[in-house]
Each structure stands twice: as C-alpha cells, then as structure tokens.
Amino acid sequence: MAPIEAAFRVASTDAAYTQAEAPIDLDALNLFLRDSRAIAMDPNGAPVTLVMGNEAADLDSIVSAITYALHVTRRSCIDYEWMDRDPPDPVTGDFDGWNNEKESQCELRFAVPYVACAREDLPLRGDAAWLLDDIGVDVDSIVFADDLDPMALDASGRLRDVVLVDHNVPQAKHRELLSKTTRVIDHHVDEELYPLECDVMIGPVGSCATLIAEQASEEAEIGLDGMLGHGYTGNARGLWAGPLAKMIAAAILADTQNLDVNNERTRMEDYVWCHRLAAFAGYEDVEAMTSLYETLKRRRFDQSGLSPRDLLRRDYKQWTLGDDVNVGIASFGVALNAMGDAGDVKATCDAFMRDRGVRVLVLMSAFEGEDGSFERQLGFTSLDDEGARLCEKMAIAIGDGLGGLRTIEGAGGAFGAMAFHQGDAKASRKKVQPLVAEFLEAEKAAADGVG
C-alpha cells in the first residue's frame, strides 16, 4: 500500500474516521500504529513527522508520543480532505461553500510515535508494559529505538520534521535534529535550545499527557467535551474513546501520584483532564481511579526480580554537562543495598559506564520503606580516582538542595562512601539533574578562571 493510500486508510476506511462523532476505538488506534510503522520502515515511504518521547521512555512519554502522533496524523487527513472547502459549522452544520485558498495551506502529514528505548526494555517499564497490554495496544506495531534510527531517516531525506514530547532537547546522539524540531510539548525545565520558530508549549503541570490532551483539543478547536464526544456534531473526527482516555488518565495519575494535592507538581489542569478522561474510560469515581493508580504503582515499583543491569537500564538518561562531562542518571525502585551482591553491582556499573562513555553515574532509588513511607536514596560512582573526586565534590555541592544527604550503612561495597539517604523524598531527577548541571558549570568556570 502506498504511503498516501495508507494515510487515507487511516482517515477514511474505518467508521471511526468517517463518522463525525465516532471516537478512536482500539481498532482505529491499532490501525494507526500498524500504518505508521509500515510507512516509517518503508525505505521508499513518504517523509514522516517523528513524534519523539524522551530517553527514559516512561509511561508519560510513551502515552504522549502515541496520542500526539495520532492526533497530528488525523487532523492532517481531515484538513487535507477539506482543503477545497470550509468545514461545516460545528454547531449548526451550515456549509459556507468552497475556499480554494485553503488548498495551498494543506499538506498530508503522517506522524510516527517514537519510543526512545530498545524494544527489549519495555518490560522494564512495568507500569507502561502492563497498561498497553491491559488496553490491548498492538505493541509489535510501535516503533522503538532499535527499530528505526532517526539520524539515518534524516539522512535519507525521509524526516519531514520532529516533534518533542515530554522533553525539549533531543538526547545527545540526536542533537542534530534540533534544527528539524518544529513543535515541543513538555513539562520540564525549559533549556531553550530549540529553533526560534519552533511552536513551544512548556507548562508547569504534573504530567506531559495533560498538556498533550489540552493542546490536541485546542488544535482541533473542539475542547474537552468535543474530544470526548459530548455535545458536538461537527467535523471533529478527533474524538477519544476508552483506550486513549484510559492511557492519558493513567499517565496523569502516575505522574501526579494519584492527583496528590501535596505533590508540588500537581495542577488543576491535571485534575480536570484526569477526572473527565478517567470517567470516559469507565473509572467513574475516586475509588476506581485510586485502584488504577495503585495497580500502576505496584507494576512500576515491582523490580525485585530485576538484575543490576536491568535496574540501571529501566529508566536512564544521559547528558553532556559542564566541561564536556558525560553524566548518566539511572532511576529505579529498590534500595541501593538491595540491588544485589556488592561486587556484581560495582562490576555492572563499571561496564554500564564504559559502554556509554559516562564519566559519572548517578543512581536514584525511590521506594517504600519498612514503615510504608516514601524514601529516596542517591548513589555516585565512576571509573577512576579523578571521577571519584568529582563525585565527592558533587555530592557535597548538591546535598543542601536535596534536603541533605546521609550516608547509607551497608552500601559501601558497591559505592564506597558515596551512597546516601536523600532528605527531601520529593526531589526527583527533575530536581537532581539541574543541580548536577549547575555544579559542573561552576567547576568549568573555576577551571577557566571565570568568576
């Protein structure tokens, strides 16, 4: 099937795409994933928009990439179909006739969701793997990092543009794609490295999925009620049924710790979108939503059977900071002294750093303590004495910003004296990474004799 035909298949074959009020059901979602993969993997396929999730490839990132790619493709198909005429009025259904000026403004655009981890690593994201399976999403049709090389796609002339979701700067090996980035939707610290002409939405909400839902509804010009199919009779075709509603609601619940008002990241937008979408997916009361959250939490943090290597791989991000220092941060859900045999853990960390060219590896552990309280631990390791000294200075420099660091007894074999209880259990990687970056920039300035 030719790419254009595949795109119009998504737009028109299934009733979900031809009826104005028909929502995107599971069949339509999986149809989109199959077609998007087929076009992306076809060496003779049409240029595509790559909707890239972040390097951690967590639940929020995966859901955001799939949802926004589907939205972009579907809206493009609808606009293309109506390029010679104005669509009917969304309320009255009145039709104003032809508008040939729209023809030059419409272009068929096929967006492909890109999950930035290897396919074999999906089971390491226990909450995401469970949710996709529970909904019935065709995971085999999702494009993972080991399926497609974005740089090779660009070199072949088949990368139309890039949309970044749940981050605003591509990972280091894809940094050259910044020039092709046309859209950013994110809830992290704005690094302001994208092109000036880029369309950017960076908001201080708990979940990127909240922004995805918000932006998709605004771009479709139908609002939340229209997305859910309530009180709308126009040419929307961007409506969400149970599968997408459940995916987005689940991502919001996971990122906001069940819409916890004590979580500094939770915002009213998270609350509104999550409640409405969860109800549309069949979770109509607080008890049902809490049950979904508890299942996600249990699946995410049940890492007791993972090897040290799998723990490092399951939620990993890497940056080049300061004076070209490669720093990796691995997040997981078991205590540092429960990762395994100390010798095995140290050997695994060393091999992990060598494979990735990392000078400093930061390990972030988040788990429930014996008394049921939420705890965080922080570990540092490196390959040589110079790196070890840098780790020591780093721990001292960032400790106050994390509520203080207290040495962990029993973790010395793997990390020396560089394993700590973290005073502020709410401080996640989103807070640690900027502190590390600030420290390394200060180190670089000191070495250069600045300040």
Protein backbone atom coordinates (compact mmCIF):
# COMPACT_ATOMS: atom_id res chain seq x y z
CA MET A 1 0.00 0.00 0.00
CA ALA A 2 1.39 3.42 -0.96
CA PRO A 3 2.00 5.87 1.90
CA ILE A 4 -0.72 8.29 0.77
CA GLU A 5 -3.18 5.41 0.47
CA ALA A 6 -2.23 4.21 3.93
CA ALA A 7 -2.78 7.68 5.32
CA PHE A 8 -6.22 7.92 3.78
CA ARG A 9 -6.94 4.44 5.03
CA VAL A 10 -6.40 5.84 8.50
CA ALA A 11 -8.59 8.80 7.61
CA SER A 12 -11.48 7.10 5.93
CA THR A 13 -11.62 3.29 5.94
CA ASP A 14 -12.84 2.67 9.46
CA ALA A 15 -16.11 4.09 10.72
CA ALA A 16 -14.12 5.73 13.50
CA TYR A 17 -12.63 8.00 10.84
CA THR A 18 -15.67 8.64 8.68
CA GLN A 19 -18.35 9.44 11.24
CA ALA A 20 -18.15 12.94 12.70
CA GLU A 21 -18.84 11.80 16.24
CA ALA A 22 -17.14 8.39 16.06
CA PRO A 23 -14.37 8.08 18.66
CA ILE A 24 -10.97 6.49 18.19
CA ASP A 25 -11.57 2.97 19.42
CA LEU A 26 -8.99 0.21 19.91
CA ASP A 27 -9.25 -1.00 16.31
CA ALA A 28 -8.63 2.52 14.99
CA LEU A 29 -5.71 3.04 17.37
CA ASN A 30 -4.02 -0.21 16.35
CA LEU A 31 -4.73 0.50 12.68
CA PHE A 32 -2.90 3.79 13.06
CA LEU A 33 0.07 2.13 14.77
CA ARG A 34 0.36 -0.53 12.05
CA ASP A 35 0.18 2.03 9.25
CA SER A 36 2.59 4.44 10.92
CA ARG A 37 5.14 1.67 11.42
CA ALA A 38 4.74 0.46 7.84
CA ILE A 39 5.39 3.93 6.44
CA ALA A 40 8.31 4.63 8.78
CA MET A 41 10.03 1.33 7.97
CA ASP A 42 9.48 1.55 4.20
CA PRO A 43 12.74 2.82 2.60
CA ASN A 44 10.65 4.24 -0.23
CA GLY A 45 7.99 5.67 2.06
CA ALA A 46 6.90 9.28 2.23
CA PRO A 47 8.61 11.72 4.62
CA VAL A 48 7.25 11.47 8.16
CA THR A 49 6.92 13.60 11.26
CA LEU A 50 8.68 11.83 14.13
CA VAL A 51 6.97 12.40 17.48
CA MET A 52 9.78 11.57 19.90
CA GLY A 53 9.32 10.74 23.56
CA ASN A 54 12.17 11.24 25.98
CA GLU A 55 15.11 8.94 26.59
CA ALA A 56 13.63 7.46 29.78
CA ALA A 57 10.68 6.16 27.73
CA ASP A 58 8.46 6.16 30.79
CA LEU A 59 4.67 5.82 30.81
CA ASP A 60 4.03 9.54 30.36
CA SER A 61 6.46 9.75 27.45
CA ILE A 62 5.06 6.70 25.63
CA VAL A 63 1.44 7.82 26.03
CA SER A 64 2.28 11.37 24.94
CA ALA A 65 4.08 10.21 21.79
CA ILE A 66 1.33 7.83 20.69
CA THR A 67 -1.51 10.24 21.42
CA TYR A 68 0.01 13.28 19.76
CA ALA A 69 1.21 11.38 16.69
CA LEU A 70 -2.29 10.02 16.17
CA HIS A 71 -3.75 13.49 16.64
CA VAL A 72 -1.34 15.10 14.13
CA THR A 73 -2.00 12.43 11.50
CA ARG A 74 -5.74 12.51 11.89
CA ARG A 75 -6.04 16.28 11.82
CA SER A 76 -3.83 16.39 8.74
CA CYS A 77 -6.03 13.87 6.94
CA ILE A 78 -9.16 15.81 7.84
CA ASP A 79 -7.66 19.14 6.73
CA TYR A 80 -6.45 17.54 3.50
CA GLU A 81 -9.88 16.10 2.81
CA TRP A 82 -11.47 19.53 3.30
CA MET A 83 -8.72 21.55 1.62
CA ASP A 84 -11.02 22.99 -1.07
CA ARG A 85 -13.87 23.89 1.24
CA ASP A 86 -14.59 25.21 4.68
CA PRO A 87 -15.86 22.51 7.05
CA PRO A 88 -19.44 22.76 8.31
CA ASP A 89 -20.16 24.95 11.29
CA PRO A 90 -19.55 22.77 14.38
CA VAL A 91 -22.86 23.80 15.96
CA THR A 92 -25.34 24.45 13.14
CA GLY A 93 -23.84 22.27 10.44
CA ASP A 94 -24.13 25.17 7.95
CA PHE A 95 -21.79 24.90 4.96
CA ASP A 96 -20.29 28.08 3.51
CA GLY A 97 -19.05 26.61 0.24
CA TRP A 98 -15.69 26.32 -1.44
CA ASN A 99 -12.48 28.02 -0.41
CA ASN A 100 -9.69 27.39 -2.90
CA GLU A 101 -7.25 29.42 -0.82
CA LYS A 102 -7.08 26.53 1.64
CA GLU A 103 -5.51 24.25 -0.96
CA SER A 104 -2.07 25.80 -0.64
CA GLN A 105 -2.25 25.62 3.15
CA CYS A 106 -2.96 21.89 3.47
CA GLU A 107 -0.43 19.10 3.33
CA LEU A 108 -0.90 15.45 4.15
CA ARG A 109 1.27 14.81 7.18
CA PHE A 110 1.91 11.39 8.65
CA ALA A 111 3.26 11.33 12.20
CA VAL A 112 5.02 8.34 13.74
CA PRO A 113 5.29 7.83 17.52
CA TYR A 114 8.87 7.00 18.50
CA VAL A 115 9.64 5.28 21.83
CA ALA A 116 13.25 6.08 22.72
CA CYS A 117 14.26 2.75 24.24
CA ALA A 118 15.00 -0.68 22.84
CA ARG A 119 12.00 -2.96 22.41
CA GLU A 120 13.51 -5.44 24.87
CA ASP A 121 13.49 -2.70 27.51
CA LEU A 122 9.72 -2.17 27.55
CA PRO A 123 9.19 -4.86 30.23
CA LEU A 124 11.49 -2.81 32.45
CA ARG A 125 8.80 -0.15 32.45
CA GLY A 126 6.37 -2.36 34.33
CA ASP A 127 3.54 0.17 34.52
CA ALA A 128 3.71 1.04 30.82
CA ALA A 129 4.02 -2.60 29.73
CA TRP A 130 1.02 -3.57 31.86
CA LEU A 131 -1.15 -0.66 30.69
CA LEU A 132 -0.54 -1.25 26.98
CA ASP A 133 -1.25 -4.97 27.40
CA ASP A 134 -4.35 -4.36 29.52
CA ILE A 135 -5.82 -2.00 26.93
CA GLY A 136 -4.92 -4.27 24.02
CA VAL A 137 -2.50 -1.95 22.22
CA ASP A 138 -0.58 -3.67 19.41
CA VAL A 139 2.91 -3.19 20.88
CA ASP A 140 4.50 -5.01 17.93
CA SER A 141 3.44 -2.07 15.75
CA ILE A 142 5.04 0.60 17.92
CA VAL A 143 8.35 2.00 16.62
CA PHE A 144 11.15 1.61 19.18
CA ALA A 145 14.70 2.98 19.17
CA ASP A 146 16.19 -0.26 17.85
CA ASP A 147 13.65 -0.37 15.02
CA LEU A 148 14.47 2.99 13.49
CA ASP A 149 17.48 5.32 13.52
CA PRO A 150 16.21 8.93 13.37
CA MET A 151 19.58 10.15 12.06
CA ALA A 152 19.51 7.63 9.21
CA LEU A 153 15.91 8.60 8.48
CA ASP A 154 17.00 12.22 8.22
CA ALA A 155 19.99 11.35 6.02
CA SER A 156 17.68 9.50 3.64
CA GLY A 157 15.55 12.62 3.19
CA ARG A 158 12.53 10.97 4.80
CA LEU A 159 12.38 13.00 8.01
CA ARG A 160 9.93 15.85 7.45
CA ASP A 161 10.24 17.28 10.94
CA VAL A 162 10.45 16.39 14.63
CA VAL A 163 8.02 16.90 17.49
CA LEU A 164 9.47 16.56 21.00
CA VAL A 165 7.11 15.45 23.76
CA ASP A 166 7.98 15.12 27.45
CA HIS A 167 11.37 16.78 26.84
CA ASN A 168 12.57 19.85 24.97
CA VAL A 169 16.08 18.87 23.84
CA PRO A 170 16.86 15.64 21.93
CA GLN A 171 19.24 13.21 23.61
CA ALA A 172 22.92 13.79 22.78
CA LYS A 173 23.13 11.34 19.85
CA HIS A 174 20.14 13.02 18.20
CA ARG A 175 21.13 16.62 19.00
CA GLU A 176 21.48 17.49 15.30
CA LEU A 177 17.73 17.00 14.96
CA LEU A 178 17.15 20.25 16.86
CA SER A 179 17.20 22.10 13.55
CA LYS A 180 14.26 19.98 12.38
CA THR A 181 12.25 20.41 15.57
CA THR A 182 9.01 22.26 14.80
CA ARG A 183 6.96 21.51 17.93
CA VAL A 184 7.72 20.99 21.63
CA ILE A 185 5.21 19.93 24.30
CA ASP A 186 6.85 19.42 27.67
CA HIS A 187 6.61 19.97 31.43
CA HIS A 188 10.31 20.01 32.35
CA VAL A 189 12.76 22.89 32.79
CA ASP A 190 12.95 24.85 29.53
CA GLU A 191 16.50 24.54 28.17
CA GLU A 192 15.66 26.97 25.32
CA LEU A 193 17.78 25.22 22.70
CA TYR A 194 15.06 24.65 20.10
CA PRO A 195 14.79 26.87 16.97
CA LEU A 196 13.22 30.30 17.43
CA GLU A 197 10.42 29.46 15.00
CA CYS A 198 9.52 26.29 16.92
CA ASP A 199 5.96 26.09 18.29
CA VAL A 200 6.53 25.53 22.02
CA MET A 201 4.24 24.65 24.91
CA ILE A 202 6.11 24.08 28.16
CA GLY A 203 3.85 24.17 31.19
CA PRO A 204 4.30 23.52 34.92
CA VAL A 205 1.88 20.60 35.15
CA GLY A 206 2.29 17.18 36.71
CA SER A 207 2.12 15.17 33.50
CA CYS A 208 3.02 15.87 29.90
CA ALA A 209 -0.08 13.86 28.97
CA THR A 210 -2.15 16.70 30.44
CA LEU A 211 -0.54 19.14 28.00
CA ILE A 212 -0.98 16.69 25.13
CA ALA A 213 -4.71 16.42 25.84
CA GLU A 214 -5.00 20.17 26.23
CA GLN A 215 -3.06 21.01 23.07
CA ALA A 216 -4.83 18.39 20.94
CA SER A 217 -8.25 19.70 21.96
CA GLU A 218 -7.21 23.30 21.26
CA GLU A 219 -5.74 22.42 17.87
CA ALA A 220 -8.90 20.52 16.96
CA GLU A 221 -10.88 23.59 18.12
CA ILE A 222 -13.43 21.46 19.94
CA GLY A 223 -12.37 21.49 23.59
CA LEU A 224 -12.56 18.67 26.10
CA ASP A 225 -16.25 17.97 25.58
CA GLY A 226 -15.68 17.69 21.86
CA MET A 227 -12.77 15.31 22.35
CA LEU A 228 -14.99 13.08 24.44
CA GLY A 229 -17.89 13.32 22.01
CA HIS A 230 -20.26 15.29 24.22
CA GLY A 231 -22.49 17.89 22.58
CA TYR A 232 -20.54 18.14 19.35
CA THR A 233 -21.96 17.41 15.92
CA GLY A 234 -19.39 18.88 13.56
CA ASN A 235 -16.48 17.52 11.55
CA ALA A 236 -14.26 16.74 14.54
CA ARG A 237 -13.09 13.18 13.99
CA GLY A 238 -10.52 13.73 16.72
CA LEU A 239 -12.57 12.15 19.44
CA TRP A 240 -11.22 9.82 22.11
CA ALA A 241 -12.84 6.58 23.19
CA GLY A 242 -11.87 4.36 26.10
CA PRO A 243 -8.34 3.31 25.01
CA LEU A 244 -6.86 6.79 24.58
CA ALA A 245 -8.83 8.17 27.52
CA LYS A 246 -7.50 5.41 29.77
CA MET A 247 -3.93 5.84 28.54
CA ILE A 248 -3.90 9.58 29.21
CA ALA A 249 -5.68 9.34 32.56
CA ALA A 250 -3.28 6.60 33.68
CA ALA A 251 -0.23 8.70 32.74
CA ILE A 252 -1.58 11.68 34.69
CA LEU A 253 -2.37 9.54 37.74
CA ALA A 254 1.12 8.01 37.69
CA ASP A 255 2.97 11.32 37.33
CA THR A 256 0.94 13.16 39.98
CA GLN A 257 0.89 10.29 42.49
CA ASN A 258 -2.89 9.91 42.20
CA LEU A 259 -3.51 13.67 41.89
CA ASP A 260 -1.96 14.23 45.30
CA VAL A 261 -2.53 17.88 46.24
CA ASN A 262 0.61 17.72 48.37
CA ASN A 263 2.65 16.91 45.28
CA GLU A 264 4.13 20.25 44.21
CA ARG A 265 3.83 19.24 40.54
CA THR A 266 0.08 18.58 40.55
CA ARG A 267 -2.00 21.34 38.95
CA MET A 268 -5.70 21.98 38.39
CA GLU A 269 -5.28 21.09 34.71
CA ASP A 270 -4.11 17.60 35.72
CA TYR A 271 -7.15 17.21 37.95
CA VAL A 272 -9.70 18.34 35.36
CA TRP A 273 -8.36 16.32 32.43
CA CYS A 274 -7.72 13.20 34.50
CA HIS A 275 -11.18 13.10 36.08
CA ARG A 276 -13.01 13.62 32.80
CA LEU A 277 -10.89 11.16 30.83
CA ALA A 278 -10.92 8.53 33.58
CA ALA A 279 -14.71 8.70 33.76
CA PHE A 280 -14.92 8.32 29.98
CA ALA A 281 -12.73 5.21 30.26
CA GLY A 282 -15.04 3.68 32.86
CA TYR A 283 -13.32 4.87 36.05
CA GLU A 284 -16.23 6.95 37.28
CA ASP A 285 -15.37 7.53 40.94
CA VAL A 286 -12.36 8.22 43.13
CA GLU A 287 -12.19 4.62 44.32
CA ALA A 288 -11.91 3.30 40.76
CA MET A 289 -9.25 5.86 39.86
CA THR A 290 -7.31 5.03 43.01
CA SER A 291 -7.47 1.34 42.15
CA LEU A 292 -6.00 2.07 38.70
CA TYR A 293 -3.25 4.19 40.26
CA GLU A 294 -2.37 1.51 42.83
CA THR A 295 -2.11 -1.09 40.07
CA LEU A 296 0.20 1.16 38.05
CA LYS A 297 2.29 1.92 41.11
CA ARG A 298 2.61 -1.74 42.03
CA ARG A 299 3.59 -2.68 38.48
CA ARG A 300 6.09 0.17 38.25
CA PHE A 301 7.90 -0.46 41.51
CA ASP A 302 7.87 -4.24 41.49
CA GLN A 303 11.51 -4.54 40.47
CA SER A 304 12.55 -7.19 42.94
CA GLY A 305 13.38 -9.67 40.18
CA LEU A 306 15.47 -7.34 38.03
CA SER A 307 19.23 -7.74 37.69
CA PRO A 308 21.58 -4.81 38.46
CA ARG A 309 21.95 -4.22 34.70
CA ASP A 310 18.18 -4.13 34.20
CA LEU A 311 17.79 -1.72 37.11
CA LEU A 312 20.29 0.65 35.51
CA ARG A 313 18.64 0.35 32.10
CA ARG A 314 14.99 0.68 33.12
CA ASP A 315 14.86 4.49 33.48
CA TYR A 316 18.10 6.05 32.30
CA LYS A 317 19.02 9.48 30.94
CA GLN A 318 22.37 10.92 29.94
CA TRP A 319 23.68 14.45 29.44
CA THR A 320 26.89 16.17 28.43
CA LEU A 321 27.37 18.92 31.01
CA GLY A 322 29.96 21.46 32.10
CA ASP A 323 33.34 20.88 30.51
CA ASP A 324 32.06 18.06 28.25
CA VAL A 325 31.44 15.72 31.19
CA ASN A 326 29.13 12.82 30.30
CA VAL A 327 26.78 12.21 33.22
CA GLY A 328 24.22 9.42 33.42
CA ILE A 329 21.33 9.23 35.88
CA ALA A 330 19.66 5.85 36.44
CA SER A 331 16.37 5.74 38.38
CA PHE A 332 14.84 2.58 39.84
CA GLY A 333 12.67 1.29 42.66
CA VAL A 334 14.77 -0.79 45.05
CA ALA A 335 17.13 0.31 47.81
CA LEU A 336 20.77 0.72 46.81
CA ASN A 337 21.90 -2.00 49.20
CA ALA A 338 19.25 -4.36 47.77
CA MET A 339 20.50 -4.20 44.18
CA GLY A 340 22.47 -7.42 44.57
CA ASP A 341 25.94 -8.61 45.51
CA ALA A 342 28.21 -5.58 46.01
CA GLY A 343 30.87 -6.91 43.65
CA ASP A 344 28.32 -7.64 40.93
CA VAL A 345 26.76 -4.20 41.33
CA LYS A 346 30.12 -2.42 41.06
CA ALA A 347 31.16 -4.50 38.03
CA THR A 348 27.81 -3.85 36.37
CA CYS A 349 28.06 -0.10 36.97
CA ASP A 350 31.60 -0.03 35.55
CA ALA A 351 30.57 -1.92 32.41
CA PHE A 352 27.50 0.28 32.04
CA MET A 353 29.62 3.45 32.18
CA ARG A 354 32.21 2.11 29.73
CA ASP A 355 29.53 1.11 27.22
CA ARG A 356 28.01 4.60 27.30
CA GLY A 357 31.15 6.68 27.66
CA VAL A 358 29.96 8.03 31.01
CA ARG A 359 32.36 9.65 33.47
CA VAL A 360 29.92 9.93 36.39
CA LEU A 361 26.94 7.65 37.04
CA VAL A 362 24.28 8.86 39.48
CA LEU A 363 21.89 6.24 40.86
CA MET A 364 18.50 7.41 42.13
CA SER A 365 16.47 4.92 44.16
CA ALA A 366 12.82 5.56 45.13
CA PHE A 367 10.85 3.03 47.16
CA GLU A 368 8.56 2.46 50.14
CA GLY A 369 10.43 1.92 53.39
CA GLU A 370 9.59 -0.68 56.00
CA ASP A 371 7.21 1.76 57.71
CA GLY A 372 5.39 2.46 54.43
CA SER A 373 6.89 5.92 53.96
CA PHE A 374 8.25 7.01 50.58
CA GLU A 375 12.05 7.16 50.55
CA ARG A 376 14.76 8.23 48.12
CA GLN A 377 18.43 7.28 48.02
CA LEU A 378 21.24 8.69 45.93
CA GLY A 379 24.46 6.97 44.86
CA PHE A 380 27.50 8.11 42.86
CA THR A 381 30.11 6.04 41.08
CA SER A 382 32.86 6.49 38.48
CA LEU A 383 35.60 4.55 36.74
CA ASP A 384 38.73 6.24 38.11
CA ASP A 385 40.13 8.26 41.01
CA GLU A 386 39.63 11.58 39.25
CA GLY A 387 35.99 10.73 38.67
CA ALA A 388 35.64 9.63 42.29
CA ARG A 389 36.92 13.01 43.49
CA LEU A 390 34.43 14.72 41.18
CA CYS A 391 31.63 12.58 42.67
CA GLU A 392 32.65 13.59 46.20
CA LYS A 393 32.58 17.28 45.33
CA MET A 394 29.27 16.83 43.51
CA ALA A 395 27.60 15.17 46.50
CA ILE A 396 28.71 18.00 48.78
CA ALA A 397 27.57 20.68 46.31
CA ILE A 398 24.07 19.35 45.62
CA GLY A 399 23.27 17.91 49.04
CA ASP A 400 21.63 21.01 50.52
CA GLY A 401 19.34 21.32 47.50
CA LEU A 402 18.08 17.79 48.17
CA GLY A 403 17.29 18.22 51.84
CA GLY A 404 20.67 16.91 52.95
CA LEU A 405 22.41 13.58 52.29
CA ARG A 406 23.04 10.96 55.00
CA THR A 407 25.43 8.04 54.38
CA ILE A 408 23.77 4.63 53.95
CA GLU A 409 25.14 1.81 56.04
CA GLY A 410 25.69 -1.42 54.14
CA ALA A 411 26.08 0.08 50.67
CA GLY A 412 29.80 0.78 50.94
CA GLY A 413 30.95 -2.27 49.00
CA ALA A 414 29.47 -1.09 45.72
CA PHE A 415 29.69 2.68 46.11
CA GLY A 416 32.34 3.33 48.75
CA ALA A 417 31.08 6.18 50.92
CA MET A 418 29.05 7.58 48.04
CA ALA A 419 25.60 6.17 48.87
CA PHE A 420 23.15 8.38 50.74
CA HIS A 421 19.66 8.71 52.13
CA GLN A 422 18.10 11.77 50.49
CA GLY A 423 16.48 14.22 52.93
CA ASP A 424 13.85 15.53 50.51
CA ALA A 425 11.96 12.48 49.25
CA LYS A 426 10.00 14.65 46.79
CA ALA A 427 13.12 15.70 44.88
CA SER A 428 13.11 13.57 41.72
CA ARG A 429 15.51 13.52 38.75
CA LYS A 430 13.85 16.72 37.53
CA LYS A 431 15.47 18.46 40.50
CA VAL A 432 18.71 16.48 40.68
CA GLN A 433 19.75 17.00 37.04
CA PRO A 434 19.68 20.83 37.16
CA LEU A 435 21.68 20.75 40.41
CA VAL A 436 24.29 18.49 38.81
CA ALA A 437 24.41 20.73 35.73
CA GLU A 438 24.85 23.84 37.90
CA PHE A 439 27.70 22.20 39.82
CA LEU A 440 29.55 21.14 36.67
CA GLU A 441 29.13 24.57 35.08
CA ALA A 442 30.63 26.09 38.23
CA GLU A 443 33.52 23.60 38.04
CA LYS A 444 34.12 24.56 34.42
CA ALA A 445 34.04 28.27 35.24
CA ALA A 446 36.51 27.74 38.08
CA ALA A 447 38.85 25.80 35.81
CA ASP A 448 38.64 28.57 33.21
CA GLY A 449 39.35 31.21 35.85
CA VAL A 450 35.91 32.80 35.47
CA GLY A 451 34.07 34.34 38.44
